[in-house]
Amino acid sequence: MTMQPIQRWQYRVTFDLKIRSAYGVAFQDFFSTVMEARYLSDFIRVRPFGSLGDKGCDGYRSTGGQVFQCYGKLEDAAPNVATIVKKMGEDYQLAGGHLGSIMKEWHFAHNLVNGLPVEAVQKIEELKALGLHVVGTFGPASIWAIVEELPENTLFSLLGPAATAEDNQNLKLEEVRALTDSLMTTIAAGGAISGEIKPVPADKLTFNQLPGHWIQLLTAASSNGPHVQRYFEHHPNVEMGALVAREFSSRYQALKQEALSPGEIMDALYEQVTGIGSVTAVRQVAAQALLAYLFDACDIFEDHPAKVGA
């Protein structure tokens, strides 16, 4: 059966969250798993053995003689520019010195979703200028380009389930209840919200410069917004909707202050709703319905200034 577009959009969200939270060796493991899934026996996962080390090679493709060295950012620590540049130079020299003629290309694989520092770009160009090998980088966009071409059964093994259009049409309010109940421990009392929930306005989606997969997911989830609103309207705690709305407005503002991109903010809010790790299709639908409800009601992200002033 052909994979549905909505599943592919969901897989992109899951991929972004997974690669961003793959710290240190976990990123190397994820990268190697992706490469094995795509290239099978043509990709060789490399590990250091005792004091011998990995010789500057974390993975190798025999076709083309491609050597990959991985850098996974550390948890709760900003990437250190000097450390990245030093690692590039040392690992390249180490690989070139030990692997000899089997190394035709050297690639620096990383999970820095916001890009490399310019100093790293300069270092790559410096290594290219030596003229000894093809030298390049392999970041999240390059890894996603491989992942999105994998067959559905492989994607499921790699990233878990992805909700279908049929799942989206079968919103489970008990799952919305479970999500909102789990949030209540961190939500303080606030004022009530009002107003009808309307379909996600296209200009708000584009105005906030959300990435394409989030635009599509929110558009699909907006049909469930009225169900979420009715759930809050009939909740025993009449303030529940207002509490959730105010909490997420606060979370949005906090994430915005971190200078995250719109897609990263939406990823973070989604992860805060669902929790970390593999998420069931039922929970994906409920979480996206809740976010679409809040997005429509202008509690998260910005509305167009012309409309706000109207």
C-alpha atoms as a PDB file:
ATOM      1  CA  MET A   1       0.000   0.000   0.000  1.00  0.00           C
ATOM      2  CA  THR A   2       1.290   3.458  -0.914  1.00  0.00           C
ATOM      3  CA  MET A   3       2.222   5.683   2.000  1.00  0.00           C
ATOM      4  CA  GLN A   4      -0.163   8.586   2.512  1.00  0.00           C
ATOM      5  CA  PRO A   5       1.138  12.184   2.419  1.00  0.00           C
ATOM      6  CA  ILE A   6      -0.031  12.754   6.007  1.00  0.00           C
ATOM      7  CA  GLN A   7       2.161   9.856   7.137  1.00  0.00           C
ATOM      8  CA  ARG A   8       5.173  11.341   5.384  1.00  0.00           C
ATOM      9  CA  TRP A   9       4.558  14.702   7.087  1.00  0.00           C
ATOM     10  CA  GLN A  10       4.349  12.927  10.446  1.00  0.00           C
ATOM     11  CA  TYR A  11       7.569  11.040   9.777  1.00  0.00           C
ATOM     12  CA  ARG A  12       9.304  14.364   9.122  1.00  0.00           C
ATOM     13  CA  VAL A  13       8.239  15.630  12.550  1.00  0.00           C
ATOM     14  CA  THR A  14       9.380  12.414  14.217  1.00  0.00           C
ATOM     15  CA  PHE A  15      12.702  12.533  12.350  1.00  0.00           C
ATOM     16  CA  ASP A  16      13.356  16.151  13.336  1.00  0.00           C
ATOM     17  CA  LEU A  17      12.702  15.387  16.997  1.00  0.00           C
ATOM     18  CA  LYS A  18      14.793  12.237  16.946  1.00  0.00           C
ATOM     19  CA  ILE A  19      17.859  13.676  15.261  1.00  0.00           C
ATOM     20  CA  ARG A  20      17.796  16.817  17.404  1.00  0.00           C
ATOM     21  CA  SER A  21      17.783  14.737  20.606  1.00  0.00           C
ATOM     22  CA  ALA A  22      20.360  12.154  19.485  1.00  0.00           C
ATOM     23  CA  TYR A  23      23.264  13.240  21.662  1.00  0.00           C
ATOM     24  CA  GLY A  24      26.871  12.064  21.327  1.00  0.00           C
ATOM     25  CA  VAL A  25      27.157   8.388  20.447  1.00  0.00           C
ATOM     26  CA  ALA A  26      23.368   8.141  20.036  1.00  0.00           C
ATOM     27  CA  PHE A  27      23.650  10.277  16.902  1.00  0.00           C
ATOM     28  CA  GLN A  28      26.356   8.018  15.491  1.00  0.00           C
ATOM     29  CA  ASP A  29      24.115   4.993  16.131  1.00  0.00           C
ATOM     30  CA  PHE A  30      21.128   6.658  14.448  1.00  0.00           C
ATOM     31  CA  PHE A  31      23.209   7.787  11.476  1.00  0.00           C
ATOM     32  CA  SER A  32      24.653   4.295  11.019  1.00  0.00           C
ATOM     33  CA  THR A  33      21.193   2.714  11.260  1.00  0.00           C
ATOM     34  CA  VAL A  34      19.896   5.054   8.534  1.00  0.00           C
ATOM     35  CA  MET A  35      22.860   4.316   6.279  1.00  0.00           C
ATOM     36  CA  GLU A  36      22.532   0.554   6.796  1.00  0.00           C
ATOM     37  CA  ALA A  37      18.827   0.751   5.966  1.00  0.00           C
ATOM     38  CA  ARG A  38      19.572   2.595   2.728  1.00  0.00           C
ATOM     39  CA  TYR A  39      22.832   1.007   1.544  1.00  0.00           C
ATOM     40  CA  LEU A  40      22.675  -2.413   3.231  1.00  0.00           C
ATOM     41  CA  SER A  41      26.037  -4.202   3.151  1.00  0.00           C
ATOM     42  CA  ASP A  42      27.648  -1.382   1.173  1.00  0.00           C
ATOM     43  CA  PHE A  43      27.748   0.629   4.409  1.00  0.00           C
ATOM     44  CA  ILE A  44      29.940  -0.638   7.231  1.00  0.00           C
ATOM     45  CA  ARG A  45      29.298   0.572  10.777  1.00  0.00           C
ATOM     46  CA  VAL A  46      32.614   1.240  12.550  1.00  0.00           C
ATOM     47  CA  ARG A  47      33.340   1.091  16.281  1.00  0.00           C
ATOM     48  CA  PRO A  48      36.567   1.631  18.249  1.00  0.00           C
ATOM     49  CA  PHE A  49      37.995  -1.561  19.746  1.00  0.00           C
ATOM     50  CA  GLY A  50      39.874  -1.017  22.978  1.00  0.00           C
ATOM     51  CA  SER A  51      42.841   1.317  22.696  1.00  0.00           C
ATOM     52  CA  LEU A  52      42.944   0.984  18.910  1.00  0.00           C
ATOM     53  CA  GLY A  53      40.321   3.691  18.387  1.00  0.00           C
ATOM     54  CA  ASP A  54      38.234   4.200  15.255  1.00  0.00           C
ATOM     55  CA  LYS A  55      41.038   5.738  13.153  1.00  0.00           C
ATOM     56  CA  GLY A  56      38.876   8.771  12.426  1.00  0.00           C
ATOM     57  CA  CYS A  57      36.165   6.654  10.789  1.00  0.00           C
ATOM     58  CA  ASP A  58      32.665   6.069  12.189  1.00  0.00           C
ATOM     59  CA  GLY A  59      31.266   4.536   9.000  1.00  0.00           C
ATOM     60  CA  TYR A  60      32.438   3.495   5.551  1.00  0.00           C
ATOM     61  CA  ARG A  61      30.814   3.000   2.147  1.00  0.00           C
ATOM     62  CA  SER A  62      32.917   0.823  -0.104  1.00  0.00           C
ATOM     63  CA  THR A  63      31.248   2.310  -3.188  1.00  0.00           C
ATOM     64  CA  GLY A  64      33.143   5.532  -3.701  1.00  0.00           C
ATOM     65  CA  GLY A  65      35.408   4.954  -0.706  1.00  0.00           C
ATOM     66  CA  GLN A  66      33.320   7.270   1.479  1.00  0.00           C
ATOM     67  CA  VAL A  67      34.459   7.731   5.070  1.00  0.00           C
ATOM     68  CA  PHE A  68      32.029   9.296   7.572  1.00  0.00           C
ATOM     69  CA  GLN A  69      33.008  10.883  10.859  1.00  0.00           C
ATOM     70  CA  CYS A  70      30.119  11.738  13.195  1.00  0.00           C
ATOM     71  CA  TYR A  71      29.621  14.641  15.546  1.00  0.00           C
ATOM     72  CA  GLY A  72      26.568  14.537  17.803  1.00  0.00           C
ATOM     73  CA  LYS A  73      26.035  17.600  19.956  1.00  0.00           C
ATOM     74  CA  LEU A  74      26.118  17.092  23.714  1.00  0.00           C
ATOM     75  CA  GLU A  75      22.960  17.309  25.803  1.00  0.00           C
ATOM     76  CA  ASP A  76      22.253  20.690  27.428  1.00  0.00           C
ATOM     77  CA  ALA A  77      25.449  22.208  26.041  1.00  0.00           C
ATOM     78  CA  ALA A  78      25.834  24.700  23.226  1.00  0.00           C
ATOM     79  CA  PRO A  79      28.126  23.434  20.442  1.00  0.00           C
ATOM     80  CA  ASN A  80      31.662  24.728  20.927  1.00  0.00           C
ATOM     81  CA  VAL A  81      33.023  26.174  17.686  1.00  0.00           C
ATOM     82  CA  ALA A  82      36.666  25.565  18.551  1.00  0.00           C
ATOM     83  CA  THR A  83      35.922  21.943  19.474  1.00  0.00           C
ATOM     84  CA  ILE A  84      34.058  21.302  16.205  1.00  0.00           C
ATOM     85  CA  VAL A  85      36.824  22.803  14.052  1.00  0.00           C
ATOM     86  CA  LYS A  86      39.537  20.935  15.977  1.00  0.00           C
ATOM     87  CA  LYS A  87      37.646  17.649  15.616  1.00  0.00           C
ATOM     88  CA  MET A  88      37.297  18.174  11.866  1.00  0.00           C
ATOM     89  CA  GLY A  89      41.003  18.701  11.357  1.00  0.00           C
ATOM     90  CA  GLU A  90      42.180  15.930  13.667  1.00  0.00           C
ATOM     91  CA  ASP A  91      39.701  13.312  12.435  1.00  0.00           C
ATOM     92  CA  TYR A  92      40.448  14.053   8.790  1.00  0.00           C
ATOM     93  CA  GLN A  93      44.178  13.717   9.339  1.00  0.00           C
ATOM     94  CA  LEU A  94      43.668  10.567  11.409  1.00  0.00           C
ATOM     95  CA  ALA A  95      41.506   8.914   8.764  1.00  0.00           C
ATOM     96  CA  GLY A  96      43.835   9.909   5.937  1.00  0.00           C
ATOM     97  CA  GLY A  97      46.856   8.608   7.797  1.00  0.00           C
ATOM     98  CA  HIS A  98      45.366   5.242   8.727  1.00  0.00           C
ATOM     99  CA  LEU A  99      42.984   4.337   5.906  1.00  0.00           C
ATOM    100  CA  GLY A 100      45.278   5.125   2.992  1.00  0.00           C
ATOM    101  CA  SER A 101      44.025   4.365  -0.500  1.00  0.00           C
ATOM    102  CA  ILE A 102      40.611   3.009   0.586  1.00  0.00           C
ATOM    103  CA  MET A 103      39.574   6.559   1.542  1.00  0.00           C
ATOM    104  CA  LYS A 104      38.461   8.503  -1.509  1.00  0.00           C
ATOM    105  CA  GLU A 105      36.006  10.830   0.248  1.00  0.00           C
ATOM    106  CA  TRP A 106      35.706  12.182   3.808  1.00  0.00           C
ATOM    107  CA  HIS A 107      32.388  13.514   5.146  1.00  0.00           C
ATOM    108  CA  PHE A 108      31.636  15.214   8.463  1.00  0.00           C
ATOM    109  CA  ALA A 109      28.191  13.991   9.586  1.00  0.00           C
ATOM    110  CA  HIS A 110      26.439  16.095  12.230  1.00  0.00           C
ATOM    111  CA  ASN A 111      23.060  16.829  13.809  1.00  0.00           C
ATOM    112  CA  LEU A 112      23.359  20.594  14.168  1.00  0.00           C
ATOM    113  CA  VAL A 113      19.871  21.416  12.891  1.00  0.00           C
ATOM    114  CA  ASN A 114      20.568  25.150  12.749  1.00  0.00           C
ATOM    115  CA  GLY A 115      23.656  24.669  10.613  1.00  0.00           C
ATOM    116  CA  LEU A 116      27.413  24.723  11.069  1.00  0.00           C
ATOM    117  CA  PRO A 117      29.358  27.762  12.285  1.00  0.00           C
ATOM    118  CA  VAL A 118      31.175  29.657   9.539  1.00  0.00           C
ATOM    119  CA  GLU A 119      34.492  28.585  11.069  1.00  0.00           C
ATOM    120  CA  ALA A 120      33.577  24.971  10.311  1.00  0.00           C
ATOM    121  CA  VAL A 121      32.754  25.921   6.726  1.00  0.00           C
ATOM    122  CA  GLN A 122      36.179  27.557   6.445  1.00  0.00           C
ATOM    123  CA  LYS A 123      37.788  24.390   7.818  1.00  0.00           C
ATOM    124  CA  ILE A 124      35.994  22.221   5.280  1.00  0.00           C
ATOM    125  CA  GLU A 125      37.197  24.487   2.479  1.00  0.00           C
ATOM    126  CA  GLU A 126      40.711  24.323   3.897  1.00  0.00           C
ATOM    127  CA  LEU A 127      40.615  20.511   3.796  1.00  0.00           C
ATOM    128  CA  LYS A 128      39.237  20.577   0.260  1.00  0.00           C
ATOM    129  CA  ALA A 129      42.075  22.850  -0.819  1.00  0.00           C
ATOM    130  CA  LEU A 130      44.588  20.163   0.129  1.00  0.00           C
ATOM    131  CA  GLY A 131      43.368  18.315  -2.965  1.00  0.00           C
ATOM    132  CA  LEU A 132      43.820  14.865  -1.450  1.00  0.00           C
ATOM    133  CA  HIS A 133      40.188  13.723  -1.179  1.00  0.00           C
ATOM    134  CA  VAL A 134      36.621  14.770  -1.825  1.00  0.00           C
ATOM    135  CA  VAL A 135      35.588  16.512   1.422  1.00  0.00           C
ATOM    136  CA  GLY A 136      32.090  17.461   2.499  1.00  0.00           C
ATOM    137  CA  THR A 137      29.486  17.668   5.246  1.00  0.00           C
ATOM    138  CA  PHE A 138      26.454  15.502   5.918  1.00  0.00           C
ATOM    139  CA  GLY A 139      23.872  17.309   8.037  1.00  0.00           C
ATOM    140  CA  PRO A 140      20.221  16.728   8.976  1.00  0.00           C
ATOM    141  CA  ALA A 141      18.918  17.746   5.532  1.00  0.00           C
ATOM    142  CA  SER A 142      21.205  15.213   3.828  1.00  0.00           C
ATOM    143  CA  ILE A 143      20.157  12.492   6.266  1.00  0.00           C
ATOM    144  CA  TRP A 144      16.451  13.276   5.801  1.00  0.00           C
ATOM    145  CA  ALA A 145      16.881  13.052   2.014  1.00  0.00           C
ATOM    146  CA  ILE A 146      17.914   9.423   2.572  1.00  0.00           C
ATOM    147  CA  VAL A 147      15.276   8.673   5.204  1.00  0.00           C
ATOM    148  CA  GLU A 148      12.309   9.954   3.174  1.00  0.00           C
ATOM    149  CA  GLU A 149      13.150   7.552   0.344  1.00  0.00           C
ATOM    150  CA  LEU A 150      13.014   4.482   2.594  1.00  0.00           C
ATOM    151  CA  PRO A 151      10.060   2.091   2.232  1.00  0.00           C
ATOM    152  CA  GLU A 152       7.229   2.364   4.742  1.00  0.00           C
ATOM    153  CA  ASN A 153       8.117  -0.793   6.696  1.00  0.00           C
ATOM    154  CA  THR A 154      11.671   0.491   7.160  1.00  0.00           C
ATOM    155  CA  LEU A 155      10.413   3.924   8.218  1.00  0.00           C
ATOM    156  CA  PHE A 156       8.186   2.240  10.787  1.00  0.00           C
ATOM    157  CA  SER A 157      11.159   0.321  12.196  1.00  0.00           C
ATOM    158  CA  LEU A 158      13.293   3.454  12.270  1.00  0.00           C
ATOM    159  CA  LEU A 159      10.803   6.077  13.479  1.00  0.00           C
ATOM    160  CA  GLY A 160       7.734   4.243  14.755  1.00  0.00           C
ATOM    161  CA  PRO A 161       4.096   4.649  13.669  1.00  0.00           C
ATOM    162  CA  ALA A 162       2.666   7.539  11.649  1.00  0.00           C
ATOM    163  CA  ALA A 163      -1.021   8.454  11.783  1.00  0.00           C
ATOM    164  CA  THR A 164      -3.051   7.948   8.604  1.00  0.00           C
ATOM    165  CA  ALA A 165      -5.874  10.078   7.209  1.00  0.00           C
ATOM    166  CA  GLU A 166      -8.277   7.512   8.664  1.00  0.00           C
ATOM    167  CA  ASP A 167      -6.684   7.923  12.106  1.00  0.00           C
ATOM    168  CA  ASN A 168      -7.074  11.697  11.780  1.00  0.00           C
ATOM    169  CA  GLN A 169     -10.797  11.258  11.125  1.00  0.00           C
ATOM    170  CA  ASN A 170     -11.150   9.182  14.292  1.00  0.00           C
ATOM    171  CA  LEU A 171     -10.022  11.568  17.056  1.00  0.00           C
ATOM    172  CA  LYS A 172     -10.159   9.911  20.480  1.00  0.00           C
ATOM    173  CA  LEU A 173     -11.313  12.472  23.060  1.00  0.00           C
ATOM    174  CA  GLU A 174     -10.093  10.190  25.839  1.00  0.00           C
ATOM    175  CA  GLU A 175      -6.598  10.717  24.438  1.00  0.00           C
ATOM    176  CA  VAL A 176      -7.138  14.500  24.476  1.00  0.00           C
ATOM    177  CA  ARG A 177      -8.219  14.078  28.102  1.00  0.00           C
ATOM    178  CA  ALA A 178      -5.058  12.103  28.922  1.00  0.00           C
ATOM    179  CA  LEU A 179      -2.875  14.773  27.327  1.00  0.00           C
ATOM    180  CA  THR A 180      -4.555  17.700  29.072  1.00  0.00           C
ATOM    181  CA  ASP A 181      -4.641  15.907  32.429  1.00  0.00           C
ATOM    182  CA  SER A 182      -0.896  15.302  32.240  1.00  0.00           C
ATOM    183  CA  LEU A 183      -0.368  19.029  31.651  1.00  0.00           C
ATOM    184  CA  MET A 184      -2.396  20.203  34.635  1.00  0.00           C
ATOM    185  CA  THR A 185       0.416  19.807  37.154  1.00  0.00           C
ATOM    186  CA  THR A 186       2.277  22.649  35.431  1.00  0.00           C
ATOM    187  CA  ILE A 187      -0.644  24.911  34.604  1.00  0.00           C
ATOM    188  CA  ALA A 188      -1.608  27.840  36.829  1.00  0.00           C
ATOM    189  CA  ALA A 189      -5.053  29.389  37.004  1.00  0.00           C
ATOM    190  CA  GLY A 190      -5.829  32.014  34.387  1.00  0.00           C
ATOM    191  CA  GLY A 191      -8.568  33.947  32.613  1.00  0.00           C
ATOM    192  CA  ALA A 192     -11.135  32.375  30.348  1.00  0.00           C
ATOM    193  CA  ILE A 193     -10.810  32.302  26.577  1.00  0.00           C
ATOM    194  CA  SER A 194     -13.656  32.793  24.183  1.00  0.00           C
ATOM    195  CA  GLY A 195     -14.461  32.777  20.509  1.00  0.00           C
ATOM    196  CA  GLU A 196     -15.300  30.178  17.898  1.00  0.00           C
ATOM    197  CA  ILE A 197     -12.613  27.939  16.471  1.00  0.00           C
ATOM    198  CA  LYS A 198     -12.394  28.361  12.712  1.00  0.00           C
ATOM    199  CA  PRO A 199     -10.345  26.413  10.133  1.00  0.00           C
ATOM    200  CA  VAL A 200      -6.653  27.277  10.207  1.00  0.00           C
ATOM    201  CA  PRO A 201      -6.337  30.540   8.227  1.00  0.00           C
ATOM    202  CA  ALA A 202      -3.869  30.039   5.393  1.00  0.00           C
ATOM    203  CA  ASP A 203      -2.388  33.509   5.809  1.00  0.00           C
ATOM    204  CA  LYS A 204      -1.568  32.786   9.454  1.00  0.00           C
ATOM    205  CA  LEU A 205       0.224  29.593   8.456  1.00  0.00           C
ATOM    206  CA  THR A 206       2.292  31.389   5.827  1.00  0.00           C
ATOM    207  CA  PHE A 207       2.743  34.532   7.925  1.00  0.00           C
ATOM    208  CA  ASN A 208       4.427  32.478  10.653  1.00  0.00           C
ATOM    209  CA  GLN A 209       6.706  30.795   8.086  1.00  0.00           C
ATOM    210  CA  LEU A 210       6.008  27.293   9.323  1.00  0.00           C
ATOM    211  CA  PRO A 211       7.670  24.510   7.307  1.00  0.00           C
ATOM    212  CA  GLY A 212       5.547  22.712   4.749  1.00  0.00           C
ATOM    213  CA  HIS A 213       5.003  19.516   6.722  1.00  0.00           C
ATOM    214  CA  TRP A 214       3.663  21.443   9.730  1.00  0.00           C
ATOM    215  CA  ILE A 215       1.375  23.533   7.514  1.00  0.00           C
ATOM    216  CA  GLN A 216      -0.100  20.343   6.104  1.00  0.00           C
ATOM    217  CA  LEU A 217      -0.441  18.630   9.492  1.00  0.00           C
ATOM    218  CA  LEU A 218      -2.127  21.637  11.108  1.00  0.00           C
ATOM    219  CA  THR A 219      -4.438  22.051   8.131  1.00  0.00           C
ATOM    220  CA  ALA A 220      -5.461  18.391   8.380  1.00  0.00           C
ATOM    221  CA  ALA A 221      -5.832  18.604  12.171  1.00  0.00           C
ATOM    222  CA  SER A 222      -7.956  21.772  12.069  1.00  0.00           C
ATOM    223  CA  SER A 223     -11.056  19.686  11.298  1.00  0.00           C
ATOM    224  CA  ASN A 224     -10.683  18.264  14.822  1.00  0.00           C
ATOM    225  CA  GLY A 225     -10.439  21.720  16.429  1.00  0.00           C
ATOM    226  CA  PRO A 226     -14.200  22.019  17.077  1.00  0.00           C
ATOM    227  CA  HIS A 227     -14.152  18.632  18.828  1.00  0.00           C
ATOM    228  CA  VAL A 228     -11.398  19.861  21.141  1.00  0.00           C
ATOM    229  CA  GLN A 229     -13.300  23.076  21.836  1.00  0.00           C
ATOM    230  CA  ARG A 230     -16.474  21.151  22.694  1.00  0.00           C
ATOM    231  CA  TYR A 231     -14.413  18.907  24.967  1.00  0.00           C
ATOM    232  CA  PHE A 232     -13.236  21.955  26.915  1.00  0.00           C
ATOM    233  CA  GLU A 233     -16.714  23.526  26.943  1.00  0.00           C
ATOM    234  CA  HIS A 234     -18.157  20.407  28.582  1.00  0.00           C
ATOM    235  CA  HIS A 235     -15.227  19.729  30.910  1.00  0.00           C
ATOM    236  CA  PRO A 236     -16.119  19.540  34.641  1.00  0.00           C
ATOM    237  CA  ASN A 237     -13.496  22.221  35.228  1.00  0.00           C
ATOM    238  CA  VAL A 238     -14.913  25.170  33.297  1.00  0.00           C
ATOM    239  CA  GLU A 239     -11.491  26.826  33.345  1.00  0.00           C
ATOM    240  CA  MET A 240      -9.669  23.885  31.730  1.00  0.00           C
ATOM    241  CA  GLY A 241      -9.580  25.378  28.227  1.00  0.00           C
ATOM    242  CA  ALA A 242      -8.374  28.718  29.555  1.00  0.00           C
ATOM    243  CA  LEU A 243      -5.659  27.071  31.647  1.00  0.00           C
ATOM    244  CA  VAL A 244      -4.321  25.069  28.718  1.00  0.00           C
ATOM    245  CA  ALA A 245      -4.466  28.075  26.398  1.00  0.00           C
ATOM    246  CA  ARG A 246      -2.609  30.344  28.800  1.00  0.00           C
ATOM    247  CA  GLU A 247       0.045  27.712  29.535  1.00  0.00           C
ATOM    248  CA  PHE A 248       0.787  27.154  25.863  1.00  0.00           C
ATOM    249  CA  SER A 249       0.831  30.850  25.130  1.00  0.00           C
ATOM    250  CA  SER A 250       3.487  31.149  27.846  1.00  0.00           C
ATOM    251  CA  ARG A 251       5.434  28.184  26.473  1.00  0.00           C
ATOM    252  CA  TYR A 252       5.314  29.640  22.973  1.00  0.00           C
ATOM    253  CA  GLN A 253       6.696  32.954  24.194  1.00  0.00           C
ATOM    254  CA  ALA A 254       9.487  31.199  26.123  1.00  0.00           C
ATOM    255  CA  LEU A 255      10.506  29.170  23.071  1.00  0.00           C
ATOM    256  CA  LYS A 256      10.371  32.266  20.892  1.00  0.00           C
ATOM    257  CA  GLN A 257      12.812  33.978  23.264  1.00  0.00           C
ATOM    258  CA  GLU A 258      15.303  31.163  22.546  1.00  0.00           C
ATOM    259  CA  ALA A 259      15.452  32.385  18.926  1.00  0.00           C
ATOM    260  CA  LEU A 260      14.186  29.046  17.622  1.00  0.00           C
ATOM    261  CA  SER A 261      12.765  28.780  14.115  1.00  0.00           C
ATOM    262  CA  PRO A 262       8.965  28.437  13.746  1.00  0.00           C
ATOM    263  CA  GLY A 263       9.356  24.747  12.872  1.00  0.00           C
ATOM    264  CA  GLU A 264      11.533  24.126  15.929  1.00  0.00           C
ATOM    265  CA  ILE A 265       9.000  25.885  18.157  1.00  0.00           C
ATOM    266  CA  MET A 266       6.176  23.721  16.819  1.00  0.00           C
ATOM    267  CA  ASP A 267       8.329  20.600  17.224  1.00  0.00           C
ATOM    268  CA  ALA A 268       9.050  21.547  20.823  1.00  0.00           C
ATOM    269  CA  LEU A 269       5.393  22.224  21.654  1.00  0.00           C
ATOM    270  CA  TYR A 270       4.407  18.928  20.034  1.00  0.00           C
ATOM    271  CA  GLU A 271       7.025  17.053  22.057  1.00  0.00           C
ATOM    272  CA  GLN A 272       5.897  18.777  25.259  1.00  0.00           C
ATOM    273  CA  VAL A 273       2.372  17.510  24.583  1.00  0.00           C
ATOM    274  CA  THR A 274       3.246  13.968  23.541  1.00  0.00           C
ATOM    275  CA  GLY A 275       6.351  13.282  25.610  1.00  0.00           C
ATOM    276  CA  ILE A 276       9.720  12.058  24.377  1.00  0.00           C
ATOM    277  CA  GLY A 277      10.072   8.880  22.354  1.00  0.00           C
ATOM    278  CA  SER A 278       7.820   6.825  20.099  1.00  0.00           C
ATOM    279  CA  VAL A 279       4.251   8.157  19.982  1.00  0.00           C
ATOM    280  CA  THR A 280       1.199   6.121  19.019  1.00  0.00           C
ATOM    281  CA  ALA A 281      -0.900   7.189  16.051  1.00  0.00           C
ATOM    282  CA  VAL A 282      -3.827   7.896  18.386  1.00  0.00           C
ATOM    283  CA  ARG A 283      -1.691  10.266  20.473  1.00  0.00           C
ATOM    284  CA  GLN A 284      -0.292  11.960  17.353  1.00  0.00           C
ATOM    285  CA  VAL A 285      -3.828  12.791  16.199  1.00  0.00           C
ATOM    286  CA  ALA A 286      -4.867  14.074  19.634  1.00  0.00           C
ATOM    287  CA  ALA A 287      -1.730  16.200  20.061  1.00  0.00           C
ATOM    288  CA  GLN A 288      -2.048  17.764  16.618  1.00  0.00           C
ATOM    289  CA  ALA A 289      -5.751  18.447  17.206  1.00  0.00           C
ATOM    290  CA  LEU A 290      -4.890  20.262  20.438  1.00  0.00           C
ATOM    291  CA  LEU A 291      -2.128  22.288  18.758  1.00  0.00           C
ATOM    292  CA  ALA A 292      -4.394  23.139  15.817  1.00  0.00           C
ATOM    293  CA  TYR A 293      -7.058  24.295  18.286  1.00  0.00           C
ATOM    294  CA  LEU A 294      -4.549  26.557  20.056  1.00  0.00           C
ATOM    295  CA  PHE A 295      -3.098  27.778  16.765  1.00  0.00           C
ATOM    296  CA  ASP A 296      -6.528  28.653  15.389  1.00  0.00           C
ATOM    297  CA  ALA A 297      -7.445  30.505  18.570  1.00  0.00           C
ATOM    298  CA  CYS A 298      -4.249  32.611  18.301  1.00  0.00           C
ATOM    299  CA  ASP A 299      -2.948  31.353  21.643  1.00  0.00           C
ATOM    300  CA  ILE A 300       0.263  30.160  19.988  1.00  0.00           C
ATOM    301  CA  PHE A 301       2.099  31.868  17.143  1.00  0.00           C
ATOM    302  CA  GLU A 302       1.188  35.274  15.760  1.00  0.00           C
ATOM    303  CA  ASP A 303      -1.769  36.501  13.745  1.00  0.00           C
ATOM    304  CA  HIS A 304      -1.230  38.909  10.875  1.00  0.00           C
ATOM    305  CA  PRO A 305      -0.849  42.488  12.225  1.00  0.00           C
ATOM    306  CA  ALA A 306      -3.551  43.767   9.840  1.00  0.00           C
ATOM    307  CA  LYS A 307      -6.042  41.290  11.315  1.00  0.00           C
ATOM    308  CA  VAL A 308      -5.002  41.930  14.901  1.00  0.00           C
ATOM    309  CA  GLY A 309      -5.607  45.664  14.445  1.00  0.00           C
ATOM    310  CA  ALA A 310      -8.911  45.162  12.664  1.00  0.00           C
END
